[in-house]
Amino acid sequence: MSIVVFWMEPTFEPAHARFESTELTSALKFAEARRQEGKRHVCISTELAESVGKPGVTAVVDKRLPDGHVYDFDKSHRGAGPSKT
């Protein structure tokens, strides 16, 4: 899969640049440069195979992943305010 950086030119013409999946750092720097130039609607779109899991691998049953590893990550504390204890 590739990485694509999209942005809008001042003439409201859409533009894009394509990067290989191994060029994430370059794509991020390129996107930041477009922002610094004042381009609008700068965004990156990708589904890198090494960063996007296969369907079903995120299933957690009884705090275990499909491969048997324990999964005990809990983000319930985020945004919940101070502890009530």
PDB file of N, CA and C in Angstrom:
ATOM      1  N   MET A   1       0.840  -1.180   0.000  1.00  0.00           N
ATOM      2  CA  MET A   1       0.000   0.000   0.000  1.00  0.00           C
ATOM      3  C   MET A   1       0.879   1.235   0.000  1.00  0.00           C
ATOM      4  N   SER A   2       0.366   2.296  -0.534  1.00  0.00           N
ATOM      5  CA  SER A   2       1.124   3.538  -0.578  1.00  0.00           C
ATOM      6  C   SER A   2       0.555   4.555   0.407  1.00  0.00           C
ATOM      7  N   ILE A   3       1.260   5.654   0.529  1.00  0.00           N
ATOM      8  CA  ILE A   3       0.845   6.777   1.367  1.00  0.00           C
ATOM      9  C   ILE A   3       0.535   7.925   0.415  1.00  0.00           C
ATOM     10  N   VAL A   4      -0.578   8.607   0.633  1.00  0.00           N
ATOM     11  CA  VAL A   4      -0.930   9.732  -0.220  1.00  0.00           C
ATOM     12  C   VAL A   4      -1.172  10.957   0.655  1.00  0.00           C
ATOM     13  N   VAL A   5      -0.545  12.062   0.287  1.00  0.00           N
ATOM     14  CA  VAL A   5      -0.770  13.350   0.944  1.00  0.00           C
ATOM     15  C   VAL A   5      -1.657  14.169   0.019  1.00  0.00           C
ATOM     16  N   PHE A   6      -2.770  14.656   0.554  1.00  0.00           N
ATOM     17  CA  PHE A   6      -3.703  15.481  -0.212  1.00  0.00           C
ATOM     18  C   PHE A   6      -3.685  16.905   0.339  1.00  0.00           C
ATOM     19  N   TRP A   7      -3.915  17.890  -0.525  1.00  0.00           N
ATOM     20  CA  TRP A   7      -4.079  19.270  -0.082  1.00  0.00           C
ATOM     21  C   TRP A   7      -4.860  20.046  -1.133  1.00  0.00           C
ATOM     22  N   MET A   8      -5.310  21.221  -0.743  1.00  0.00           N
ATOM     23  CA  MET A   8      -6.065  22.080  -1.649  1.00  0.00           C
ATOM     24  C   MET A   8      -5.203  23.272  -2.035  1.00  0.00           C
ATOM     25  N   GLU A   9      -5.067  23.523  -3.331  1.00  0.00           N
ATOM     26  CA  GLU A   9      -4.327  24.676  -3.835  1.00  0.00           C
ATOM     27  C   GLU A   9      -5.169  25.943  -3.620  1.00  0.00           C
ATOM     28  N   PRO A  10      -4.537  27.122  -3.651  1.00  0.00           N
ATOM     29  CA  PRO A  10      -5.288  28.378  -3.484  1.00  0.00           C
ATOM     30  C   PRO A  10      -6.385  28.565  -4.536  1.00  0.00           C
ATOM     31  N   THR A  11      -6.235  27.926  -5.683  1.00  0.00           N
ATOM     32  CA  THR A  11      -7.241  28.007  -6.751  1.00  0.00           C
ATOM     33  C   THR A  11      -8.372  27.008  -6.536  1.00  0.00           C
ATOM     34  N   PHE A  12      -8.359  26.355  -5.362  1.00  0.00           N
ATOM     35  CA  PHE A  12      -9.337  25.324  -4.991  1.00  0.00           C
ATOM     36  C   PHE A  12      -9.207  24.053  -5.815  1.00  0.00           C
ATOM     37  N   GLU A  13      -8.075  23.883  -6.460  1.00  0.00           N
ATOM     38  CA  GLU A  13      -7.794  22.644  -7.178  1.00  0.00           C
ATOM     39  C   GLU A  13      -7.204  21.647  -6.191  1.00  0.00           C
ATOM     40  N   PRO A  14      -7.719  20.428  -6.160  1.00  0.00           N
ATOM     41  CA  PRO A  14      -7.125  19.415  -5.276  1.00  0.00           C
ATOM     42  C   PRO A  14      -5.783  18.945  -5.836  1.00  0.00           C
ATOM     43  N   ALA A  15      -4.872  18.637  -4.956  1.00  0.00           N
ATOM     44  CA  ALA A  15      -3.553  18.146  -5.367  1.00  0.00           C
ATOM     45  C   ALA A  15      -3.162  16.984  -4.459  1.00  0.00           C
ATOM     46  N   HIS A  16      -2.223  16.189  -4.917  1.00  0.00           N
ATOM     47  CA  HIS A  16      -1.772  15.065  -4.094  1.00  0.00           C
ATOM     48  C   HIS A  16      -0.348  14.677  -4.479  1.00  0.00           C
ATOM     49  N   ALA A  17       0.290  13.955  -3.554  1.00  0.00           N
ATOM     50  CA  ALA A  17       1.617  13.379  -3.793  1.00  0.00           C
ATOM     51  C   ALA A  17       1.607  11.971  -3.219  1.00  0.00           C
ATOM     52  N   ARG A  18       2.211  11.032  -3.925  1.00  0.00           N
ATOM     53  CA  ARG A  18       2.216   9.627  -3.521  1.00  0.00           C
ATOM     54  C   ARG A  18       3.601   9.254  -2.996  1.00  0.00           C
ATOM     55  N   PHE A  19       3.629   8.476  -1.912  1.00  0.00           N
ATOM     56  CA  PHE A  19       4.861   7.980  -1.313  1.00  0.00           C
ATOM     57  C   PHE A  19       4.748   6.467  -1.147  1.00  0.00           C
ATOM     58  N   GLU A  20       5.867   5.795  -1.161  1.00  0.00           N
ATOM     59  CA  GLU A  20       5.880   4.350  -0.920  1.00  0.00           C
ATOM     60  C   GLU A  20       5.597   4.086   0.557  1.00  0.00           C
ATOM     61  N   SER A  21       5.195   2.885   0.887  1.00  0.00           N
ATOM     62  CA  SER A  21       4.843   2.544   2.271  1.00  0.00           C
ATOM     63  C   SER A  21       6.021   2.687   3.230  1.00  0.00           C
ATOM     64  N   THR A  22       7.236   2.658   2.709  1.00  0.00           N
ATOM     65  CA  THR A  22       8.434   2.798   3.547  1.00  0.00           C
ATOM     66  C   THR A  22       8.827   4.262   3.758  1.00  0.00           C
ATOM     67  N   GLU A  23       8.062   5.192   3.196  1.00  0.00           N
ATOM     68  CA  GLU A  23       8.424   6.605   3.240  1.00  0.00           C
ATOM     69  C   GLU A  23       7.511   7.439   4.142  1.00  0.00           C
ATOM     70  N   LEU A  24       7.055   6.873   5.247  1.00  0.00           N
ATOM     71  CA  LEU A  24       6.140   7.595   6.132  1.00  0.00           C
ATOM     72  C   LEU A  24       6.760   8.883   6.661  1.00  0.00           C
ATOM     73  N   THR A  25       8.012   8.843   7.087  1.00  0.00           N
ATOM     74  CA  THR A  25       8.669  10.045   7.608  1.00  0.00           C
ATOM     75  C   THR A  25       8.721  11.136   6.536  1.00  0.00           C
ATOM     76  N   SER A  26       9.049  10.763   5.322  1.00  0.00           N
ATOM     77  CA  SER A  26       9.085  11.731   4.221  1.00  0.00           C
ATOM     78  C   SER A  26       7.696  12.309   3.950  1.00  0.00           C
ATOM     79  N   ALA A  27       6.676  11.462   3.998  1.00  0.00           N
ATOM     80  CA  ALA A  27       5.310  11.924   3.761  1.00  0.00           C
ATOM     81  C   ALA A  27       4.869  12.902   4.846  1.00  0.00           C
ATOM     82  N   LEU A  28       5.223  12.623   6.094  1.00  0.00           N
ATOM     83  CA  LEU A  28       4.872  13.525   7.190  1.00  0.00           C
ATOM     84  C   LEU A  28       5.579  14.874   7.036  1.00  0.00           C
ATOM     85  N   LYS A  29       6.848  14.842   6.686  1.00  0.00           N
ATOM     86  CA  LYS A  29       7.597  16.089   6.466  1.00  0.00           C
ATOM     87  C   LYS A  29       7.012  16.871   5.292  1.00  0.00           C
ATOM     88  N   PHE A  30       6.629  16.158   4.239  1.00  0.00           N
ATOM     89  CA  PHE A  30       6.040  16.788   3.068  1.00  0.00           C
ATOM     90  C   PHE A  30       4.721  17.462   3.437  1.00  0.00           C
ATOM     91  N   ALA A  31       3.882  16.763   4.207  1.00  0.00           N
ATOM     92  CA  ALA A  31       2.594  17.320   4.636  1.00  0.00           C
ATOM     93  C   ALA A  31       2.811  18.573   5.487  1.00  0.00           C
ATOM     94  N   GLU A  32       3.763  18.522   6.412  1.00  0.00           N
ATOM     95  CA  GLU A  32       4.053  19.681   7.245  1.00  0.00           C
ATOM     96  C   GLU A  32       4.534  20.857   6.401  1.00  0.00           C
ATOM     97  N   ALA A  33       5.340  20.594   5.398  1.00  0.00           N
ATOM     98  CA  ALA A  33       5.808  21.657   4.501  1.00  0.00           C
ATOM     99  C   ALA A  33       4.630  22.304   3.764  1.00  0.00           C
ATOM    100  N   ARG A  34       3.646  21.506   3.320  1.00  0.00           N
ATOM    101  CA  ARG A  34       2.465  22.073   2.658  1.00  0.00           C
ATOM    102  C   ARG A  34       1.709  22.973   3.638  1.00  0.00           C
ATOM    103  N   ARG A  35       1.591  22.539   4.895  1.00  0.00           N
ATOM    104  CA  ARG A  35       0.905  23.363   5.899  1.00  0.00           C
ATOM    105  C   ARG A  35       1.635  24.680   6.100  1.00  0.00           C
ATOM    106  N   GLN A  36       2.964  24.612   6.191  1.00  0.00           N
ATOM    107  CA  GLN A  36       3.760  25.819   6.399  1.00  0.00           C
ATOM    108  C   GLN A  36       3.682  26.769   5.200  1.00  0.00           C
ATOM    109  N   GLU A  37       3.420  26.229   4.031  1.00  0.00           N
ATOM    110  CA  GLU A  37       3.227  27.045   2.828  1.00  0.00           C
ATOM    111  C   GLU A  37       1.851  27.715   2.816  1.00  0.00           C
ATOM    112  N   GLY A  38       0.990  27.321   3.740  1.00  0.00           N
ATOM    113  CA  GLY A  38      -0.352  27.890   3.809  1.00  0.00           C
ATOM    114  C   GLY A  38      -1.402  27.126   3.034  1.00  0.00           C
ATOM    115  N   LYS A  39      -1.064  25.915   2.594  1.00  0.00           N
ATOM    116  CA  LYS A  39      -2.047  25.096   1.876  1.00  0.00           C
ATOM    117  C   LYS A  39      -3.174  24.714   2.833  1.00  0.00           C
ATOM    118  N   ARG A  40      -4.358  24.511   2.302  1.00  0.00           N
ATOM    119  CA  ARG A  40      -5.526  24.159   3.111  1.00  0.00           C
ATOM    120  C   ARG A  40      -5.865  22.682   2.961  1.00  0.00           C
ATOM    121  N   HIS A  41      -6.529  22.147   3.950  1.00  0.00           N
ATOM    122  CA  HIS A  41      -7.039  20.768   3.938  1.00  0.00           C
ATOM    123  C   HIS A  41      -5.947  19.739   3.672  1.00  0.00           C
ATOM    124  N   VAL A  42      -4.806  19.898   4.318  1.00  0.00           N
ATOM    125  CA  VAL A  42      -3.698  18.951   4.152  1.00  0.00           C
ATOM    126  C   VAL A  42      -4.011  17.710   4.985  1.00  0.00           C
ATOM    127  N   CYS A  43      -3.965  16.557   4.360  1.00  0.00           N
ATOM    128  CA  CYS A  43      -4.220  15.315   5.096  1.00  0.00           C
ATOM    129  C   CYS A  43      -3.431  14.164   4.465  1.00  0.00           C
ATOM    130  N   ILE A  44      -3.283  13.114   5.242  1.00  0.00           N
ATOM    131  CA  ILE A  44      -2.573  11.919   4.789  1.00  0.00           C
ATOM    132  C   ILE A  44      -3.545  10.756   4.842  1.00  0.00           C
ATOM    133  N   SER A  45      -3.506   9.933   3.822  1.00  0.00           N
ATOM    134  CA  SER A  45      -4.346   8.743   3.780  1.00  0.00           C
ATOM    135  C   SER A  45      -3.477   7.526   3.489  1.00  0.00           C
ATOM    136  N   THR A  46      -3.655   6.481   4.290  1.00  0.00           N
ATOM    137  CA  THR A  46      -2.900   5.256   4.073  1.00  0.00           C
ATOM    138  C   THR A  46      -3.520   4.111   4.859  1.00  0.00           C
ATOM    139  N   GLU A  47      -3.199   2.920   4.458  1.00  0.00           N
ATOM    140  CA  GLU A  47      -3.506   1.705   5.213  1.00  0.00           C
ATOM    141  C   GLU A  47      -2.274   0.821   5.113  1.00  0.00           C
ATOM    142  N   LEU A  48      -1.248   1.180   5.852  1.00  0.00           N
ATOM    143  CA  LEU A  48      -0.006   0.424   5.801  1.00  0.00           C
ATOM    144  C   LEU A  48      -0.225  -0.970   6.381  1.00  0.00           C
ATOM    145  N   ALA A  49       0.182  -1.970   5.643  1.00  0.00           N
ATOM    146  CA  ALA A  49      -0.043  -3.357   6.052  1.00  0.00           C
ATOM    147  C   ALA A  49       0.565  -3.652   7.416  1.00  0.00           C
ATOM    148  N   GLU A  50       1.708  -3.041   7.727  1.00  0.00           N
ATOM    149  CA  GLU A  50       2.349  -3.306   9.010  1.00  0.00           C
ATOM    150  C   GLU A  50       1.720  -2.514  10.157  1.00  0.00           C
ATOM    151  N   SER A  51       0.757  -1.614   9.843  1.00  0.00           N
ATOM    152  CA  SER A  51       0.115  -0.801  10.872  1.00  0.00           C
ATOM    153  C   SER A  51      -1.374  -1.079  11.013  1.00  0.00           C
ATOM    154  N   VAL A  52      -1.951  -1.798  10.068  1.00  0.00           N
ATOM    155  CA  VAL A  52      -3.376  -2.089  10.106  1.00  0.00           C
ATOM    156  C   VAL A  52      -3.544  -3.599  10.219  1.00  0.00           C
ATOM    157  N   GLY A  53      -4.216  -4.021  11.273  1.00  0.00           N
ATOM    158  CA  GLY A  53      -4.369  -5.452  11.507  1.00  0.00           C
ATOM    159  C   GLY A  53      -5.382  -6.102  10.588  1.00  0.00           C
ATOM    160  N   LYS A  54      -5.300  -7.400  10.513  1.00  0.00           N
ATOM    161  CA  LYS A  54      -6.268  -8.163   9.734  1.00  0.00           C
ATOM    162  C   LYS A  54      -7.596  -8.178  10.489  1.00  0.00           C
ATOM    163  N   PRO A  55      -8.719  -8.301   9.793  1.00  0.00           N
ATOM    164  CA  PRO A  55     -10.011  -8.341  10.471  1.00  0.00           C
ATOM    165  C   PRO A  55     -10.054  -9.461  11.503  1.00  0.00           C
ATOM    166  N   GLY A  56     -10.550  -9.130  12.670  1.00  0.00           N
ATOM    167  CA  GLY A  56     -10.733 -10.136  13.712  1.00  0.00           C
ATOM    168  C   GLY A  56      -9.591 -10.266  14.697  1.00  0.00           C
ATOM    169  N   VAL A  57      -8.410  -9.744  14.402  1.00  0.00           N
ATOM    170  CA  VAL A  57      -7.290  -9.925  15.319  1.00  0.00           C
ATOM    171  C   VAL A  57      -7.416  -9.057  16.558  1.00  0.00           C
ATOM    172  N   THR A  58      -8.327  -8.112  16.567  1.00  0.00           N
ATOM    173  CA  THR A  58      -8.500  -7.262  17.731  1.00  0.00           C
ATOM    174  C   THR A  58      -9.523  -7.816  18.709  1.00  0.00           C
ATOM    175  N   ALA A  59     -10.035  -8.984  18.429  1.00  0.00           N
ATOM    176  CA  ALA A  59     -11.022  -9.573  19.326  1.00  0.00           C
ATOM    177  C   ALA A  59     -10.377  -9.926  20.656  1.00  0.00           C
ATOM    178  N   VAL A  60     -11.028  -9.520  21.731  1.00  0.00           N
ATOM    179  CA  VAL A  60     -10.552  -9.831  23.075  1.00  0.00           C
ATOM    180  C   VAL A  60     -11.672 -10.583  23.780  1.00  0.00           C
ATOM    181  N   VAL A  61     -11.391 -11.812  24.189  1.00  0.00           N
ATOM    182  CA  VAL A  61     -12.366 -12.629  24.902  1.00  0.00           C
ATOM    183  C   VAL A  61     -11.751 -13.033  26.224  1.00  0.00           C
ATOM    184  N   ASP A  62     -12.423 -12.700  27.317  1.00  0.00           N
ATOM    185  CA  ASP A  62     -11.918 -13.007  28.658  1.00  0.00           C
ATOM    186  C   ASP A  62     -10.493 -12.490  28.849  1.00  0.00           C
ATOM    187  N   LYS A  63     -10.259 -11.248  28.378  1.00  0.00           N
ATOM    188  CA  LYS A  63      -8.957 -10.572  28.505  1.00  0.00           C
ATOM    189  C   LYS A  63      -7.816 -11.320  27.816  1.00  0.00           C
ATOM    190  N   ARG A  64      -8.137 -12.039  26.734  1.00  0.00           N
ATOM    191  CA  ARG A  64      -7.112 -12.736  25.955  1.00  0.00           C
ATOM    192  C   ARG A  64      -7.330 -12.464  24.475  1.00  0.00           C
ATOM    193  N   LEU A  65      -6.203 -12.322  23.744  1.00  0.00           N
ATOM    194  CA  LEU A  65      -6.245 -12.170  22.300  1.00  0.00           C
ATOM    195  C   LEU A  65      -6.439 -13.533  21.651  1.00  0.00           C
ATOM    196  N   PRO A  66      -6.793 -13.570  20.361  1.00  0.00           N
ATOM    197  CA  PRO A  66      -6.982 -14.861  19.700  1.00  0.00           C
ATOM    198  C   PRO A  66      -5.772 -15.791  19.787  1.00  0.00           C
ATOM    199  N   ASP A  67      -4.554 -15.241  19.894  1.00  0.00           N
ATOM    200  CA  ASP A  67      -3.370 -16.091  19.995  1.00  0.00           C
ATOM    201  C   ASP A  67      -3.074 -16.535  21.428  1.00  0.00           C
ATOM    202  N   GLY A  68      -3.940 -16.160  22.390  1.00  0.00           N
ATOM    203  CA  GLY A  68      -3.777 -16.588  23.775  1.00  0.00           C
ATOM    204  C   GLY A  68      -3.073 -15.600  24.681  1.00  0.00           C
ATOM    205  N   HIS A  69      -2.449 -14.559  24.121  1.00  0.00           N
ATOM    206  CA  HIS A  69      -1.764 -13.569  24.948  1.00  0.00           C
ATOM    207  C   HIS A  69      -2.766 -12.782  25.789  1.00  0.00           C
ATOM    208  N   VAL A  70      -2.370 -12.451  27.009  1.00  0.00           N
ATOM    209  CA  VAL A  70      -3.215 -11.660  27.901  1.00  0.00           C
ATOM    210  C   VAL A  70      -3.289 -10.231  27.379  1.00  0.00           C
ATOM    211  N   TYR A  71      -4.483  -9.661  27.384  1.00  0.00           N
ATOM    212  CA  TYR A  71      -4.703  -8.279  26.963  1.00  0.00           C
ATOM    213  C   TYR A  71      -5.455  -7.585  28.079  1.00  0.00           C
ATOM    214  N   ASP A  72      -4.738  -6.729  28.821  1.00  0.00           N
ATOM    215  CA  ASP A  72      -5.386  -6.072  29.951  1.00  0.00           C
ATOM    216  C   ASP A  72      -5.357  -4.545  29.855  1.00  0.00           C
ATOM    217  N   PHE A  73      -5.108  -4.000  28.657  1.00  0.00           N
ATOM    218  CA  PHE A  73      -5.105  -2.556  28.468  1.00  0.00           C
ATOM    219  C   PHE A  73      -6.497  -2.004  28.717  1.00  0.00           C
ATOM    220  N   ASP A  74      -6.565  -0.916  29.456  1.00  0.00           N
ATOM    221  CA  ASP A  74      -7.849  -0.300  29.774  1.00  0.00           C
ATOM    222  C   ASP A  74      -7.689   1.211  29.701  1.00  0.00           C
ATOM    223  N   LYS A  75      -8.445   1.864  28.872  1.00  0.00           N
ATOM    224  CA  LYS A  75      -8.348   3.317  28.783  1.00  0.00           C
ATOM    225  C   LYS A  75      -9.553   4.008  29.402  1.00  0.00           C
ATOM    226  N   SER A  76     -10.250   3.323  30.273  1.00  0.00           N
ATOM    227  CA  SER A  76     -11.447   3.909  30.873  1.00  0.00           C
ATOM    228  C   SER A  76     -11.130   5.138  31.710  1.00  0.00           C
ATOM    229  N   HIS A  77      -9.876   5.279  32.151  1.00  0.00           N
ATOM    230  CA  HIS A  77      -9.500   6.442  32.953  1.00  0.00           C
ATOM    231  C   HIS A  77      -9.367   7.712  32.122  1.00  0.00           C
ATOM    232  N   ARG A  78      -9.222   7.588  30.826  1.00  0.00           N
ATOM    233  CA  ARG A  78      -9.002   8.756  29.978  1.00  0.00           C
ATOM    234  C   ARG A  78     -10.279   9.568  29.822  1.00  0.00           C
ATOM    235  N   GLY A  79     -10.191  10.825  30.173  1.00  0.00           N
ATOM    236  CA  GLY A  79     -11.342  11.717  30.017  1.00  0.00           C
ATOM    237  C   GLY A  79     -12.436  11.501  31.028  1.00  0.00           C
ATOM    238  N   ALA A  80     -12.195  10.635  32.000  1.00  0.00           N
ATOM    239  CA  ALA A  80     -13.219  10.321  32.986  1.00  0.00           C
ATOM    240  C   ALA A  80     -13.177  11.260  34.183  1.00  0.00           C
ATOM    241  N   GLY A  81     -12.217  12.193  34.197  1.00  0.00           N
ATOM    242  CA  GLY A  81     -12.098  13.100  35.323  1.00  0.00           C
ATOM    243  C   GLY A  81     -11.294  12.467  36.444  1.00  0.00           C
ATOM    244  N   PRO A  82     -11.250  13.149  37.580  1.00  0.00           N
ATOM    245  CA  PRO A  82     -10.463  12.639  38.702  1.00  0.00           C
ATOM    246  C   PRO A  82     -11.049  11.360  39.286  1.00  0.00           C
ATOM    247  N   SER A  83     -10.178  10.589  39.891  1.00  0.00           N
ATOM    248  CA  SER A  83     -10.608   9.346  40.524  1.00  0.00           C
ATOM    249  C   SER A  83     -11.602   9.626  41.628  1.00  0.00           C
ATOM    250  N   LYS A  84     -12.595   8.768  41.780  1.00  0.00           N
ATOM    251  CA  LYS A  84     -13.628   8.965  42.809  1.00  0.00           C
ATOM    252  C   LYS A  84     -13.275   8.297  44.125  1.00  0.00           C
ATOM    253  N   THR A  85     -12.066   7.725  44.196  1.00  0.00           N
ATOM    254  CA  THR A  85     -11.663   7.070  45.445  1.00  0.00           C
ATOM    255  C   THR A  85     -10.903   7.999  46.339  1.00  0.00           C
TER     256      THR A  85
END
